Amino acid sequence: MGIFWKTLLVAALASAAISQAEVVLANNAIVVLQPQELPQAAQIGGQSMALHVAGNGLTYLYIEQQTGQLAILDVTDPAHIRPVGLVKLDAQATFDFGETVNDSAILVRFRDGSGAALLDLHKAKAPVLSPATAFLEGSKAEKLGRFGLVMANEPKIDGVPVARDFSIVDTSNPSAPRLLSTVKHVKKELVNGPMGTTYLLGENGLTVVRRPAVEETERLQSSYAN
């Protein structure tokens, strides 16, 4: 599934039975999980989020909800998202997640322009934020191999991300497109390509858009590989 822009267009829908949470198709499935159907930790509006695949194969979603507070969810199986915990980081300001650094760290940039830091994910359930240092003051970074970064020390002009509304639309009948769901004031969108899952961080918390057929294909491929 490609990146969500303003609208997700769902082509090739044969028939659908729609409930508050689920759209079941004759030859496929799309499941829209609203915040109230997810763990309590996902029912709070947030600032930014990031996905991380740990060394044990589990996939974690980190949501910055307040300054320095991270909600951690186990999203390895999008059909059974589990809360892991809340972690309070030593952060001086709200931040945005940036580039992945090696296999166990993520660069974060502070929105007040004070620089950047590394979120250490060696212990995926207990991440630690390193203090911002002089060599991490740039607002632009490019990966240098697996373990390095090239930082550009330039003024931060991004500011607070602009929130957008996202719509999920059934276009199986082009003459009568049908709105399936709307997520208000989305600040961050992430797509887990292999699993076909889209995560939308809106004003009311996290919304998850699943594609079970893609999930099943990924599981089968993984089982064959093993």
C-alpha atoms as a PDB file:
ATOM      1  CA  MET A   1       0.000   0.000   0.000  1.00  0.00           C
ATOM      2  CA  GLY A   2       1.358   3.402  -0.929  1.00  0.00           C
ATOM      3  CA  ILE A   3       1.716   6.457   1.279  1.00  0.00           C
ATOM      4  CA  PHE A   4      -1.514   8.083   2.436  1.00  0.00           C
ATOM      5  CA  TRP A   5      -1.861  11.594   1.041  1.00  0.00           C
ATOM      6  CA  LYS A   6      -5.081  13.523   1.597  1.00  0.00           C
ATOM      7  CA  THR A   7      -7.272  10.535   0.734  1.00  0.00           C
ATOM      8  CA  LEU A   8      -6.773   6.792   0.639  1.00  0.00           C
ATOM      9  CA  LEU A   9      -8.550   5.465  -2.462  1.00  0.00           C
ATOM     10  CA  VAL A  10      -9.613   1.859  -2.166  1.00  0.00           C
ATOM     11  CA  ALA A  11      -9.955   0.369  -5.642  1.00  0.00           C
ATOM     12  CA  ALA A  12     -11.367  -3.066  -6.477  1.00  0.00           C
ATOM     13  CA  LEU A  13     -13.950  -3.452  -3.725  1.00  0.00           C
ATOM     14  CA  ALA A  14     -16.545  -6.059  -4.613  1.00  0.00           C
ATOM     15  CA  SER A  15     -18.970  -5.713  -1.704  1.00  0.00           C
ATOM     16  CA  ALA A  16     -18.739  -4.421   1.844  1.00  0.00           C
ATOM     17  CA  ALA A  17     -20.341  -4.770   5.230  1.00  0.00           C
ATOM     18  CA  ILE A  18     -19.384  -1.797   7.373  1.00  0.00           C
ATOM     19  CA  SER A  19     -19.414  -1.432  11.134  1.00  0.00           C
ATOM     20  CA  GLN A  20     -17.881   1.261  13.291  1.00  0.00           C
ATOM     21  CA  ALA A  21     -14.564  -0.547  13.296  1.00  0.00           C
ATOM     22  CA  GLU A  22     -14.460  -2.796  10.294  1.00  0.00           C
ATOM     23  CA  VAL A  23     -14.952  -2.900   6.537  1.00  0.00           C
ATOM     24  CA  VAL A  24     -15.106  -6.503   5.307  1.00  0.00           C
ATOM     25  CA  LEU A  25     -14.745  -7.041   1.573  1.00  0.00           C
ATOM     26  CA  ALA A  26     -15.687 -10.038  -0.522  1.00  0.00           C
ATOM     27  CA  ASN A  27     -12.173 -10.615  -1.850  1.00  0.00           C
ATOM     28  CA  ASN A  28     -10.075  -8.614   0.599  1.00  0.00           C
ATOM     29  CA  ALA A  29     -10.411  -6.751   3.871  1.00  0.00           C
ATOM     30  CA  ILE A  30      -9.763  -3.311   5.248  1.00  0.00           C
ATOM     31  CA  VAL A  31     -10.107  -2.809   8.978  1.00  0.00           C
ATOM     32  CA  VAL A  32     -10.196   0.692  10.453  1.00  0.00           C
ATOM     33  CA  LEU A  33      -9.454   0.658  14.172  1.00  0.00           C
ATOM     34  CA  GLN A  34     -10.537   3.842  15.936  1.00  0.00           C
ATOM     35  CA  PRO A  35      -8.713   5.087  19.069  1.00  0.00           C
ATOM     36  CA  GLN A  36     -11.434   3.754  21.392  1.00  0.00           C
ATOM     37  CA  GLU A  37     -10.839   0.251  20.035  1.00  0.00           C
ATOM     38  CA  LEU A  38      -7.128   0.351  20.854  1.00  0.00           C
ATOM     39  CA  PRO A  39      -5.332   0.173  24.215  1.00  0.00           C
ATOM     40  CA  GLN A  40      -5.900   3.149  26.498  1.00  0.00           C
ATOM     41  CA  ALA A  41      -2.380   4.415  25.851  1.00  0.00           C
ATOM     42  CA  ALA A  42      -3.369   4.991  22.201  1.00  0.00           C
ATOM     43  CA  GLN A  43      -6.432   7.067  23.068  1.00  0.00           C
ATOM     44  CA  ILE A  44      -4.503  10.280  23.709  1.00  0.00           C
ATOM     45  CA  GLY A  45      -3.541  12.827  21.078  1.00  0.00           C
ATOM     46  CA  GLY A  46       0.185  12.933  20.396  1.00  0.00           C
ATOM     47  CA  GLN A  47       2.924  14.975  18.782  1.00  0.00           C
ATOM     48  CA  SER A  48       4.996  12.469  16.806  1.00  0.00           C
ATOM     49  CA  MET A  49       5.582   8.727  16.467  1.00  0.00           C
ATOM     50  CA  ALA A  50       8.060   6.199  15.126  1.00  0.00           C
ATOM     51  CA  LEU A  51       8.195   2.487  14.319  1.00  0.00           C
ATOM     52  CA  HIS A  52      11.048   0.251  15.433  1.00  0.00           C
ATOM     53  CA  VAL A  53      11.723  -3.404  14.669  1.00  0.00           C
ATOM     54  CA  ALA A  54      13.663  -4.852  17.592  1.00  0.00           C
ATOM     55  CA  GLY A  55      16.296  -7.553  17.362  1.00  0.00           C
ATOM     56  CA  ASN A  56      13.811 -10.159  18.568  1.00  0.00           C
ATOM     57  CA  GLY A  57      11.578  -9.489  15.563  1.00  0.00           C
ATOM     58  CA  LEU A  58       8.913  -7.590  17.495  1.00  0.00           C
ATOM     59  CA  THR A  59       7.699  -4.259  16.110  1.00  0.00           C
ATOM     60  CA  TYR A  60       7.112  -1.353  18.480  1.00  0.00           C
ATOM     61  CA  LEU A  61       5.307   1.945  17.915  1.00  0.00           C
ATOM     62  CA  TYR A  62       6.531   4.897  19.983  1.00  0.00           C
ATOM     63  CA  ILE A  63       4.135   7.839  20.416  1.00  0.00           C
ATOM     64  CA  GLU A  64       5.292  11.104  21.975  1.00  0.00           C
ATOM     65  CA  GLN A  65       2.154  12.307  23.754  1.00  0.00           C
ATOM     66  CA  GLN A  66       3.518  15.103  25.906  1.00  0.00           C
ATOM     67  CA  THR A  67       6.934  16.626  26.394  1.00  0.00           C
ATOM     68  CA  GLY A  68       9.136  13.632  27.036  1.00  0.00           C
ATOM     69  CA  GLN A  69       6.339  11.109  27.580  1.00  0.00           C
ATOM     70  CA  LEU A  70       6.375   8.091  25.289  1.00  0.00           C
ATOM     71  CA  ALA A  71       3.588   5.573  24.951  1.00  0.00           C
ATOM     72  CA  ILE A  72       4.922   2.233  23.683  1.00  0.00           C
ATOM     73  CA  LEU A  73       2.728  -0.245  21.803  1.00  0.00           C
ATOM     74  CA  ASP A  74       3.577  -3.693  20.492  1.00  0.00           C
ATOM     75  CA  VAL A  75       2.217  -3.623  16.907  1.00  0.00           C
ATOM     76  CA  THR A  76       3.879  -6.832  15.694  1.00  0.00           C
ATOM     77  CA  ASP A  77       0.412  -8.230  14.985  1.00  0.00           C
ATOM     78  CA  PRO A  78      -1.801  -5.315  13.851  1.00  0.00           C
ATOM     79  CA  ALA A  79      -4.876  -7.368  14.746  1.00  0.00           C
ATOM     80  CA  HIS A  80      -3.771  -7.592  18.378  1.00  0.00           C
ATOM     81  CA  ILE A  81      -2.035  -4.352  19.346  1.00  0.00           C
ATOM     82  CA  ARG A  82      -0.796  -4.545  22.928  1.00  0.00           C
ATOM     83  CA  PRO A  83       0.263  -1.826  25.383  1.00  0.00           C
ATOM     84  CA  VAL A  84       3.854  -2.063  26.582  1.00  0.00           C
ATOM     85  CA  GLY A  85       4.070   0.935  28.884  1.00  0.00           C
ATOM     86  CA  LEU A  86       4.678   4.644  29.348  1.00  0.00           C
ATOM     87  CA  VAL A  87       8.198   6.027  29.615  1.00  0.00           C
ATOM     88  CA  LYS A  88       9.178   9.491  30.803  1.00  0.00           C
ATOM     89  CA  LEU A  89      12.231  10.772  28.937  1.00  0.00           C
ATOM     90  CA  ASP A  90      14.626  13.495  30.018  1.00  0.00           C
ATOM     91  CA  ALA A  91      13.563  15.886  27.253  1.00  0.00           C
ATOM     92  CA  GLN A  92      13.662  19.665  27.524  1.00  0.00           C
ATOM     93  CA  ALA A  93      11.092  20.237  24.771  1.00  0.00           C
ATOM     94  CA  THR A  94       8.657  18.527  22.435  1.00  0.00           C
ATOM     95  CA  PHE A  95      10.477  16.726  19.633  1.00  0.00           C
ATOM     96  CA  ASP A  96       9.982  15.109  16.239  1.00  0.00           C
ATOM     97  CA  PHE A  97      11.351  11.690  15.331  1.00  0.00           C
ATOM     98  CA  GLY A  98      13.926  11.755  12.573  1.00  0.00           C
ATOM     99  CA  GLU A  99      16.305   9.301  10.934  1.00  0.00           C
ATOM    100  CA  THR A 100      17.008   5.786  12.169  1.00  0.00           C
ATOM    101  CA  VAL A 101      20.618   5.418  13.331  1.00  0.00           C
ATOM    102  CA  ASN A 102      21.965   1.843  13.075  1.00  0.00           C
ATOM    103  CA  ASP A 103      19.527  -0.782  14.325  1.00  0.00           C
ATOM    104  CA  SER A 104      18.910   0.551  17.805  1.00  0.00           C
ATOM    105  CA  ALA A 105      18.609   4.336  17.845  1.00  0.00           C
ATOM    106  CA  ILE A 106      16.485   7.111  16.370  1.00  0.00           C
ATOM    107  CA  LEU A 107      17.483  10.745  15.942  1.00  0.00           C
ATOM    108  CA  VAL A 108      15.043  13.220  17.490  1.00  0.00           C
ATOM    109  CA  ARG A 109      14.924  16.984  16.881  1.00  0.00           C
ATOM    110  CA  PHE A 110      13.593  19.416  19.455  1.00  0.00           C
ATOM    111  CA  ARG A 111      10.956  21.819  18.171  1.00  0.00           C
ATOM    112  CA  ASP A 112      12.293  24.739  20.184  1.00  0.00           C
ATOM    113  CA  GLY A 113      15.418  24.729  18.010  1.00  0.00           C
ATOM    114  CA  SER A 114      17.707  23.609  20.839  1.00  0.00           C
ATOM    115  CA  GLY A 115      19.225  20.790  18.803  1.00  0.00           C
ATOM    116  CA  ALA A 116      18.858  17.038  18.627  1.00  0.00           C
ATOM    117  CA  ALA A 117      19.487  13.880  20.611  1.00  0.00           C
ATOM    118  CA  LEU A 118      19.535  10.134  20.155  1.00  0.00           C
ATOM    119  CA  LEU A 119      16.808   7.843  21.452  1.00  0.00           C
ATOM    120  CA  ASP A 120      18.618   4.664  22.482  1.00  0.00           C
ATOM    121  CA  LEU A 121      16.465   1.598  21.746  1.00  0.00           C
ATOM    122  CA  HIS A 122      18.824  -1.167  22.817  1.00  0.00           C
ATOM    123  CA  LYS A 123      16.164  -1.908  25.439  1.00  0.00           C
ATOM    124  CA  ALA A 124      13.102  -1.436  23.258  1.00  0.00           C
ATOM    125  CA  LYS A 125      10.695  -1.380  26.219  1.00  0.00           C
ATOM    126  CA  ALA A 126      12.807   1.114  28.165  1.00  0.00           C
ATOM    127  CA  PRO A 127      14.253   3.660  25.702  1.00  0.00           C
ATOM    128  CA  VAL A 128      16.674   6.306  26.944  1.00  0.00           C
ATOM    129  CA  LEU A 129      17.203   9.781  25.498  1.00  0.00           C
ATOM    130  CA  SER A 130      20.793  10.981  25.426  1.00  0.00           C
ATOM    131  CA  PRO A 131      21.477  14.656  26.200  1.00  0.00           C
ATOM    132  CA  ALA A 132      21.669  16.990  23.209  1.00  0.00           C
ATOM    133  CA  THR A 133      25.306  17.573  22.337  1.00  0.00           C
ATOM    134  CA  ALA A 134      27.179  20.029  20.145  1.00  0.00           C
ATOM    135  CA  PHE A 135      27.688  17.573  17.314  1.00  0.00           C
ATOM    136  CA  LEU A 136      23.933  16.912  17.155  1.00  0.00           C
ATOM    137  CA  GLU A 137      22.835  20.521  16.747  1.00  0.00           C
ATOM    138  CA  GLY A 138      22.001  20.293  13.074  1.00  0.00           C
ATOM    139  CA  SER A 139      18.432  20.185  11.816  1.00  0.00           C
ATOM    140  CA  LYS A 140      19.303  18.155   8.715  1.00  0.00           C
ATOM    141  CA  ALA A 141      20.850  14.701   8.754  1.00  0.00           C
ATOM    142  CA  GLU A 142      21.809  12.027   6.237  1.00  0.00           C
ATOM    143  CA  LYS A 143      22.823   8.482   7.065  1.00  0.00           C
ATOM    144  CA  LEU A 144      26.467   7.615   6.563  1.00  0.00           C
ATOM    145  CA  GLY A 145      26.508   3.870   6.223  1.00  0.00           C
ATOM    146  CA  ARG A 146      24.928   1.838   8.997  1.00  0.00           C
ATOM    147  CA  PHE A 147      26.430   3.547  12.022  1.00  0.00           C
ATOM    148  CA  GLY A 148      27.034   7.176  11.037  1.00  0.00           C
ATOM    149  CA  LEU A 149      25.278  10.474  10.354  1.00  0.00           C
ATOM    150  CA  VAL A 150      26.238  13.581   8.442  1.00  0.00           C
ATOM    151  CA  MET A 151      24.690  16.547  10.280  1.00  0.00           C
ATOM    152  CA  ALA A 152      24.081  19.950   8.689  1.00  0.00           C
ATOM    153  CA  ASN A 153      24.022  22.826  11.153  1.00  0.00           C
ATOM    154  CA  GLU A 154      21.280  24.978   9.673  1.00  0.00           C
ATOM    155  CA  PRO A 155      18.386  26.918  11.209  1.00  0.00           C
ATOM    156  CA  LYS A 156      15.300  24.936  12.067  1.00  0.00           C
ATOM    157  CA  ILE A 157      12.373  26.320  10.102  1.00  0.00           C
ATOM    158  CA  ASP A 158       9.933  23.441  10.186  1.00  0.00           C
ATOM    159  CA  GLY A 159       8.084  24.404  13.351  1.00  0.00           C
ATOM    160  CA  VAL A 160       5.022  22.495  14.465  1.00  0.00           C
ATOM    161  CA  PRO A 161       3.674  20.106  11.813  1.00  0.00           C
ATOM    162  CA  VAL A 162       0.449  21.203  10.148  1.00  0.00           C
ATOM    163  CA  ALA A 163      -2.436  18.907  11.052  1.00  0.00           C
ATOM    164  CA  ARG A 164      -4.505  17.515   8.173  1.00  0.00           C
ATOM    165  CA  ASP A 165      -7.736  15.570   7.889  1.00  0.00           C
ATOM    166  CA  PHE A 166      -7.486  12.146   6.244  1.00  0.00           C
ATOM    167  CA  SER A 167     -10.391  10.397   4.521  1.00  0.00           C
ATOM    168  CA  ILE A 168     -10.701   6.726   3.599  1.00  0.00           C
ATOM    169  CA  VAL A 169     -12.905   6.367   0.527  1.00  0.00           C
ATOM    170  CA  ASP A 170     -14.463   3.386  -1.257  1.00  0.00           C
ATOM    171  CA  THR A 171     -14.218   4.004  -5.019  1.00  0.00           C
ATOM    172  CA  SER A 172     -15.495   0.641  -6.249  1.00  0.00           C
ATOM    173  CA  ASN A 173     -18.398   2.551  -7.814  1.00  0.00           C
ATOM    174  CA  PRO A 174     -16.791   5.680  -9.355  1.00  0.00           C
ATOM    175  CA  SER A 175     -20.177   7.328  -9.818  1.00  0.00           C
ATOM    176  CA  ALA A 176     -20.951   7.018  -6.121  1.00  0.00           C
ATOM    177  CA  PRO A 177     -17.759   7.070  -4.008  1.00  0.00           C
ATOM    178  CA  ARG A 178     -18.389   6.223  -0.368  1.00  0.00           C
ATOM    179  CA  LEU A 179     -16.710   7.688   2.680  1.00  0.00           C
ATOM    180  CA  LEU A 180     -15.627   4.937   5.043  1.00  0.00           C
ATOM    181  CA  SER A 181     -13.876   6.942   7.739  1.00  0.00           C
ATOM    182  CA  THR A 182     -12.390  10.365   8.490  1.00  0.00           C
ATOM    183  CA  VAL A 183      -9.524  11.019  10.876  1.00  0.00           C
ATOM    184  CA  LYS A 184      -9.331  14.614  12.080  1.00  0.00           C
ATOM    185  CA  HIS A 185      -6.219  16.728  12.566  1.00  0.00           C
ATOM    186  CA  VAL A 186      -3.574  14.128  11.795  1.00  0.00           C
ATOM    187  CA  LYS A 187      -0.125  15.278  12.898  1.00  0.00           C
ATOM    188  CA  LYS A 188       1.817  12.214  11.830  1.00  0.00           C
ATOM    189  CA  GLU A 189       1.350   9.310   9.410  1.00  0.00           C
ATOM    190  CA  LEU A 190       3.419   6.132   9.243  1.00  0.00           C
ATOM    191  CA  VAL A 191       3.142   3.156   6.907  1.00  0.00           C
ATOM    192  CA  ASN A 192       4.511  -0.286   7.709  1.00  0.00           C
ATOM    193  CA  GLY A 193       4.952  -1.441   4.111  1.00  0.00           C
ATOM    194  CA  PRO A 194       5.472  -5.176   4.637  1.00  0.00           C
ATOM    195  CA  MET A 195       2.334  -5.496   6.774  1.00  0.00           C
ATOM    196  CA  GLY A 196       0.280  -2.996   4.764  1.00  0.00           C
ATOM    197  CA  THR A 197      -0.642  -1.083   7.925  1.00  0.00           C
ATOM    198  CA  THR A 198      -1.085   2.677   8.157  1.00  0.00           C
ATOM    199  CA  TYR A 199      -0.892   4.543  11.468  1.00  0.00           C
ATOM    200  CA  LEU A 200      -2.533   7.972  11.761  1.00  0.00           C
ATOM    201  CA  LEU A 201      -1.891  10.110  14.844  1.00  0.00           C
ATOM    202  CA  GLY A 202      -4.913  12.396  15.153  1.00  0.00           C
ATOM    203  CA  GLU A 203      -6.408  14.727  17.733  1.00  0.00           C
ATOM    204  CA  ASN A 204      -8.213  11.874  19.492  1.00  0.00           C
ATOM    205  CA  GLY A 205      -5.314   9.441  19.481  1.00  0.00           C
ATOM    206  CA  LEU A 206      -4.153   6.688  17.157  1.00  0.00           C
ATOM    207  CA  THR A 207      -6.145   5.292  14.229  1.00  0.00           C
ATOM    208  CA  VAL A 208      -4.906   2.087  12.595  1.00  0.00           C
ATOM    209  CA  VAL A 209      -5.836   1.066   9.047  1.00  0.00           C
ATOM    210  CA  ARG A 210      -5.177  -2.619   8.475  1.00  0.00           C
ATOM    211  CA  ARG A 211      -5.097  -4.783   5.352  1.00  0.00           C
ATOM    212  CA  PRO A 212      -5.414  -8.364   6.654  1.00  0.00           C
ATOM    213  CA  ALA A 213      -4.768  -9.928   3.235  1.00  0.00           C
ATOM    214  CA  VAL A 214      -1.373  -8.185   3.101  1.00  0.00           C
ATOM    215  CA  GLU A 215      -0.659  -9.254   6.679  1.00  0.00           C
ATOM    216  CA  GLU A 216      -1.386 -12.877   5.805  1.00  0.00           C
ATOM    217  CA  THR A 217       0.844 -12.735   2.724  1.00  0.00           C
ATOM    218  CA  GLU A 218       3.684 -11.352   4.843  1.00  0.00           C
ATOM    219  CA  ARG A 219       3.225 -14.107   7.429  1.00  0.00           C
ATOM    220  CA  LEU A 220       3.310 -16.783   4.755  1.00  0.00           C
ATOM    221  CA  GLN A 221       6.438 -15.327   3.181  1.00  0.00           C
ATOM    222  CA  SER A 222       8.106 -15.130   6.585  1.00  0.00           C
ATOM    223  CA  SER A 223       7.229 -18.735   7.355  1.00  0.00           C
ATOM    224  CA  TYR A 224       8.673 -19.875   4.028  1.00  0.00           C
ATOM    225  CA  ALA A 225      11.850 -17.903   4.680  1.00  0.00           C
ATOM    226  CA  ASN A 226      12.267 -19.596   8.022  1.00  0.00           C
END
